[in-house]
Amino acid sequence: MTQRTCAACDCELDQQSIKVKLGGKTVEVCCEECAAALGEAEAAKASAEAEK
């Protein structure tokens, strides 16, 4: 069986994982904190690209 890990912190995922849309793809994270961190990173990236 393939081990699944959090897209933000690389912790092992269990049945309680959270799916987050990021850049048009769906990724899984282990907790709300990691989901928020990825959301903030995506917003920062979008803001930087809009300024170009």
PDB file of N, CA and C in Angstrom:
ATOM      1  N   MET A   1       0.839  -1.182   0.000  1.00  0.00           N
ATOM      2  CA  MET A   1       0.000   0.000   0.000  1.00  0.00           C
ATOM      3  C   MET A   1       0.889   1.252   0.000  1.00  0.00           C
ATOM      4  N   THR A   2       0.510   2.236  -0.777  1.00  0.00           N
ATOM      5  CA  THR A   2       1.257   3.476  -0.873  1.00  0.00           C
ATOM      6  C   THR A   2       0.958   4.363   0.331  1.00  0.00           C
ATOM      7  N   GLN A   3       1.987   4.916   0.922  1.00  0.00           N
ATOM      8  CA  GLN A   3       1.822   5.818   2.048  1.00  0.00           C
ATOM      9  C   GLN A   3       1.448   7.200   1.528  1.00  0.00           C
ATOM     10  N   ARG A   4       0.388   7.772   2.059  1.00  0.00           N
ATOM     11  CA  ARG A   4      -0.036   9.120   1.664  1.00  0.00           C
ATOM     12  C   ARG A   4       0.449  10.097   2.724  1.00  0.00           C
ATOM     13  N   THR A   5       0.935  11.262   2.254  1.00  0.00           N
ATOM     14  CA  THR A   5       1.434  12.268   3.187  1.00  0.00           C
ATOM     15  C   THR A   5       0.782  13.622   2.919  1.00  0.00           C
ATOM     16  N   CYS A   6       0.810  14.459   3.929  1.00  0.00           N
ATOM     17  CA  CYS A   6       0.251  15.813   3.875  1.00  0.00           C
ATOM     18  C   CYS A   6       1.025  16.650   2.855  1.00  0.00           C
ATOM     19  N   ALA A   7       0.302  17.408   2.044  1.00  0.00           N
ATOM     20  CA  ALA A   7       0.927  18.260   1.033  1.00  0.00           C
ATOM     21  C   ALA A   7       1.689  19.427   1.657  1.00  0.00           C
ATOM     22  N   ALA A   8       1.401  19.758   2.908  1.00  0.00           N
ATOM     23  CA  ALA A   8       2.055  20.896   3.545  1.00  0.00           C
ATOM     24  C   ALA A   8       3.223  20.491   4.442  1.00  0.00           C
ATOM     25  N   CYS A   9       3.051  19.434   5.242  1.00  0.00           N
ATOM     26  CA  CYS A   9       4.081  19.117   6.236  1.00  0.00           C
ATOM     27  C   CYS A   9       4.641  17.705   6.130  1.00  0.00           C
ATOM     28  N   ASP A  10       4.169  16.922   5.197  1.00  0.00           N
ATOM     29  CA  ASP A  10       4.630  15.547   4.964  1.00  0.00           C
ATOM     30  C   ASP A  10       4.306  14.563   6.075  1.00  0.00           C
ATOM     31  N   CYS A  11       3.386  14.903   6.980  1.00  0.00           N
ATOM     32  CA  CYS A  11       2.934  13.935   7.979  1.00  0.00           C
ATOM     33  C   CYS A  11       2.098  12.874   7.282  1.00  0.00           C
ATOM     34  N   GLU A  12       2.045  11.689   7.863  1.00  0.00           N
ATOM     35  CA  GLU A  12       1.241  10.617   7.294  1.00  0.00           C
ATOM     36  C   GLU A  12      -0.245  10.964   7.432  1.00  0.00           C
ATOM     37  N   LEU A  13      -1.006  10.724   6.366  1.00  0.00           N
ATOM     38  CA  LEU A  13      -2.441  11.013   6.372  1.00  0.00           C
ATOM     39  C   LEU A  13      -3.215   9.809   6.872  1.00  0.00           C
ATOM     40  N   ASP A  14      -4.344  10.075   7.529  1.00  0.00           N
ATOM     41  CA  ASP A  14      -5.254   9.021   7.945  1.00  0.00           C
ATOM     42  C   ASP A  14      -6.627   9.282   7.320  1.00  0.00           C
ATOM     43  N   GLN A  15      -7.656   8.663   7.851  1.00  0.00           N
ATOM     44  CA  GLN A  15      -8.996   8.842   7.290  1.00  0.00           C
ATOM     45  C   GLN A  15      -9.555  10.242   7.537  1.00  0.00           C
ATOM     46  N   GLN A  16      -8.951  11.012   8.412  1.00  0.00           N
ATOM     47  CA  GLN A  16      -9.415  12.354   8.747  1.00  0.00           C
ATOM     48  C   GLN A  16      -8.798  13.438   7.865  1.00  0.00           C
ATOM     49  N   SER A  17      -8.173  13.073   6.761  1.00  0.00           N
ATOM     50  CA  SER A  17      -7.506  14.059   5.907  1.00  0.00           C
ATOM     51  C   SER A  17      -8.513  15.048   5.318  1.00  0.00           C
ATOM     52  N   ILE A  18      -8.018  16.214   4.968  1.00  0.00           N
ATOM     53  CA  ILE A  18      -8.840  17.303   4.423  1.00  0.00           C
ATOM     54  C   ILE A  18      -8.387  17.555   2.992  1.00  0.00           C
ATOM     55  N   LYS A  19      -9.336  17.650   2.070  1.00  0.00           N
ATOM     56  CA  LYS A  19      -9.011  17.927   0.671  1.00  0.00           C
ATOM     57  C   LYS A  19      -9.096  19.426   0.425  1.00  0.00           C
ATOM     58  N   VAL A  20      -8.057  19.963  -0.242  1.00  0.00           N
ATOM     59  CA  VAL A  20      -7.956  21.394  -0.515  1.00  0.00           C
ATOM     60  C   VAL A  20      -7.657  21.577  -1.998  1.00  0.00           C
ATOM     61  N   LYS A  21      -8.360  22.512  -2.653  1.00  0.00           N
ATOM     62  CA  LYS A  21      -8.050  22.828  -4.051  1.00  0.00           C
ATOM     63  C   LYS A  21      -6.907  23.826  -4.064  1.00  0.00           C
ATOM     64  N   LEU A  22      -5.884  23.511  -4.869  1.00  0.00           N
ATOM     65  CA  LEU A  22      -4.695  24.342  -4.926  1.00  0.00           C
ATOM     66  C   LEU A  22      -4.214  24.383  -6.365  1.00  0.00           C
ATOM     67  N   GLY A  23      -4.294  25.533  -6.979  1.00  0.00           N
ATOM     68  CA  GLY A  23      -3.840  25.669  -8.352  1.00  0.00           C
ATOM     69  C   GLY A  23      -4.596  24.789  -9.333  1.00  0.00           C
ATOM     70  N   GLY A  24      -5.866  24.567  -9.089  1.00  0.00           N
ATOM     71  CA  GLY A  24      -6.683  23.740  -9.973  1.00  0.00           C
ATOM     72  C   GLY A  24      -6.596  22.253  -9.687  1.00  0.00           C
ATOM     73  N   LYS A  25      -5.760  21.851  -8.733  1.00  0.00           N
ATOM     74  CA  LYS A  25      -5.624  20.447  -8.350  1.00  0.00           C
ATOM     75  C   LYS A  25      -6.111  20.268  -6.921  1.00  0.00           C
ATOM     76  N   THR A  26      -6.539  19.068  -6.604  1.00  0.00           N
ATOM     77  CA  THR A  26      -6.956  18.757  -5.246  1.00  0.00           C
ATOM     78  C   THR A  26      -5.821  18.027  -4.541  1.00  0.00           C
ATOM     79  N   VAL A  27      -5.434  18.542  -3.379  1.00  0.00           N
ATOM     80  CA  VAL A  27      -4.401  17.912  -2.566  1.00  0.00           C
ATOM     81  C   VAL A  27      -4.997  17.608  -1.196  1.00  0.00           C
ATOM     82  N   GLU A  28      -4.347  16.713  -0.463  1.00  0.00           N
ATOM     83  CA  GLU A  28      -4.823  16.351   0.867  1.00  0.00           C
ATOM     84  C   GLU A  28      -3.851  16.841   1.927  1.00  0.00           C
ATOM     85  N   VAL A  29      -4.412  17.333   3.029  1.00  0.00           N
ATOM     86  CA  VAL A  29      -3.617  17.794   4.161  1.00  0.00           C
ATOM     87  C   VAL A  29      -4.113  17.110   5.429  1.00  0.00           C
ATOM     88  N   CYS A  30      -3.290  17.174   6.482  1.00  0.00           N
ATOM     89  CA  CYS A  30      -3.602  16.447   7.707  1.00  0.00           C
ATOM     90  C   CYS A  30      -4.501  17.214   8.676  1.00  0.00           C
ATOM     91  N   CYS A  31      -4.511  18.561   8.598  1.00  0.00           N
ATOM     92  CA  CYS A  31      -5.261  19.332   9.592  1.00  0.00           C
ATOM     93  C   CYS A  31      -5.667  20.702   9.027  1.00  0.00           C
ATOM     94  N   GLU A  32      -6.480  21.405   9.794  1.00  0.00           N
ATOM     95  CA  GLU A  32      -6.942  22.738   9.397  1.00  0.00           C
ATOM     96  C   GLU A  32      -5.781  23.733   9.281  1.00  0.00           C
ATOM     97  N   GLU A  33      -4.782  23.603  10.152  1.00  0.00           N
ATOM     98  CA  GLU A  33      -3.631  24.513  10.107  1.00  0.00           C
ATOM     99  C   GLU A  33      -2.886  24.388   8.786  1.00  0.00           C
ATOM    100  N   CYS A  34      -2.693  23.160   8.319  1.00  0.00           N
ATOM    101  CA  CYS A  34      -2.005  22.952   7.041  1.00  0.00           C
ATOM    102  C   CYS A  34      -2.871  23.444   5.884  1.00  0.00           C
ATOM    103  N   ALA A  35      -4.181  23.256   5.980  1.00  0.00           N
ATOM    104  CA  ALA A  35      -5.090  23.748   4.944  1.00  0.00           C
ATOM    105  C   ALA A  35      -5.014  25.264   4.859  1.00  0.00           C
ATOM    106  N   ALA A  36      -4.991  25.933   6.009  1.00  0.00           N
ATOM    107  CA  ALA A  36      -4.888  27.388   6.034  1.00  0.00           C
ATOM    108  C   ALA A  36      -3.550  27.860   5.477  1.00  0.00           C
ATOM    109  N   ALA A  37      -2.478  27.158   5.818  1.00  0.00           N
ATOM    110  CA  ALA A  37      -1.153  27.534   5.329  1.00  0.00           C
ATOM    111  C   ALA A  37      -1.080  27.433   3.810  1.00  0.00           C
ATOM    112  N   LEU A  38      -1.641  26.370   3.244  1.00  0.00           N
ATOM    113  CA  LEU A  38      -1.637  26.233   1.785  1.00  0.00           C
ATOM    114  C   LEU A  38      -2.521  27.296   1.135  1.00  0.00           C
ATOM    115  N   GLY A  39      -3.644  27.613   1.774  1.00  0.00           N
ATOM    116  CA  GLY A  39      -4.519  28.655   1.242  1.00  0.00           C
ATOM    117  C   GLY A  39      -3.837  30.008   1.219  1.00  0.00           C
ATOM    118  N   GLU A  40      -3.085  30.313   2.273  1.00  0.00           N
ATOM    119  CA  GLU A  40      -2.352  31.578   2.343  1.00  0.00           C
ATOM    120  C   GLU A  40      -1.250  31.620   1.291  1.00  0.00           C
ATOM    121  N   ALA A  41      -0.578  30.508   1.085  1.00  0.00           N
ATOM    122  CA  ALA A  41       0.479  30.454   0.073  1.00  0.00           C
ATOM    123  C   ALA A  41      -0.103  30.655  -1.321  1.00  0.00           C
ATOM    124  N   GLU A  42      -1.243  30.063  -1.584  1.00  0.00           N
ATOM    125  CA  GLU A  42      -1.894  30.211  -2.889  1.00  0.00           C
ATOM    126  C   GLU A  42      -2.327  31.659  -3.108  1.00  0.00           C
ATOM    127  N   ALA A  43      -2.863  32.299  -2.068  1.00  0.00           N
ATOM    128  CA  ALA A  43      -3.281  33.694  -2.178  1.00  0.00           C
ATOM    129  C   ALA A  43      -2.083  34.607  -2.430  1.00  0.00           C
ATOM    130  N   ALA A  44      -0.983  34.350  -1.758  1.00  0.00           N
ATOM    131  CA  ALA A  44       0.231  35.153  -1.953  1.00  0.00           C
ATOM    132  C   ALA A  44       0.760  34.992  -3.372  1.00  0.00           C
ATOM    133  N   LYS A  45       0.728  33.782  -3.878  1.00  0.00           N
ATOM    134  CA  LYS A  45       1.198  33.527  -5.234  1.00  0.00           C
ATOM    135  C   LYS A  45       0.315  34.256  -6.244  1.00  0.00           C
ATOM    136  N   ALA A  46      -1.002  34.187  -6.058  1.00  0.00           N
ATOM    137  CA  ALA A  46      -1.923  34.855  -6.964  1.00  0.00           C
ATOM    138  C   ALA A  46      -1.724  36.366  -6.938  1.00  0.00           C
ATOM    139  N   SER A  47      -1.487  36.909  -5.736  1.00  0.00           N
ATOM    140  CA  SER A  47      -1.260  38.339  -5.594  1.00  0.00           C
ATOM    141  C   SER A  47       0.026  38.761  -6.303  1.00  0.00           C
ATOM    142  N   ALA A  48       1.071  37.968  -6.171  1.00  0.00           N
ATOM    143  CA  ALA A  48       2.350  38.290  -6.820  1.00  0.00           C
ATOM    144  C   ALA A  48       2.220  38.226  -8.342  1.00  0.00           C
ATOM    145  N   GLU A  49       1.469  37.267  -8.836  1.00  0.00           N
ATOM    146  CA  GLU A  49       1.285  37.149 -10.280  1.00  0.00           C
ATOM    147  C   GLU A  49       0.431  38.280 -10.827  1.00  0.00           C
ATOM    148  N   ALA A  50      -0.526  38.771 -10.025  1.00  0.00           N
ATOM    149  CA  ALA A  50      -1.384  39.869 -10.459  1.00  0.00           C
ATOM    150  C   ALA A  50      -0.603  41.181 -10.568  1.00  0.00           C
ATOM    151  N   GLU A  51       0.452  41.320  -9.769  1.00  0.00           N
ATOM    152  CA  GLU A  51       1.252  42.535  -9.789  1.00  0.00           C
ATOM    153  C   GLU A  51       2.185  42.619 -10.989  1.00  0.00           C
ATOM    154  N   LYS A  52       2.408  41.508 -11.646  1.00  0.00           N
ATOM    155  CA  LYS A  52       3.341  41.490 -12.800  1.00  0.00           C
ATOM    156  C   LYS A  52       2.768  42.159 -13.990  1.00  0.00           C
TER     157      LYS A  52
END
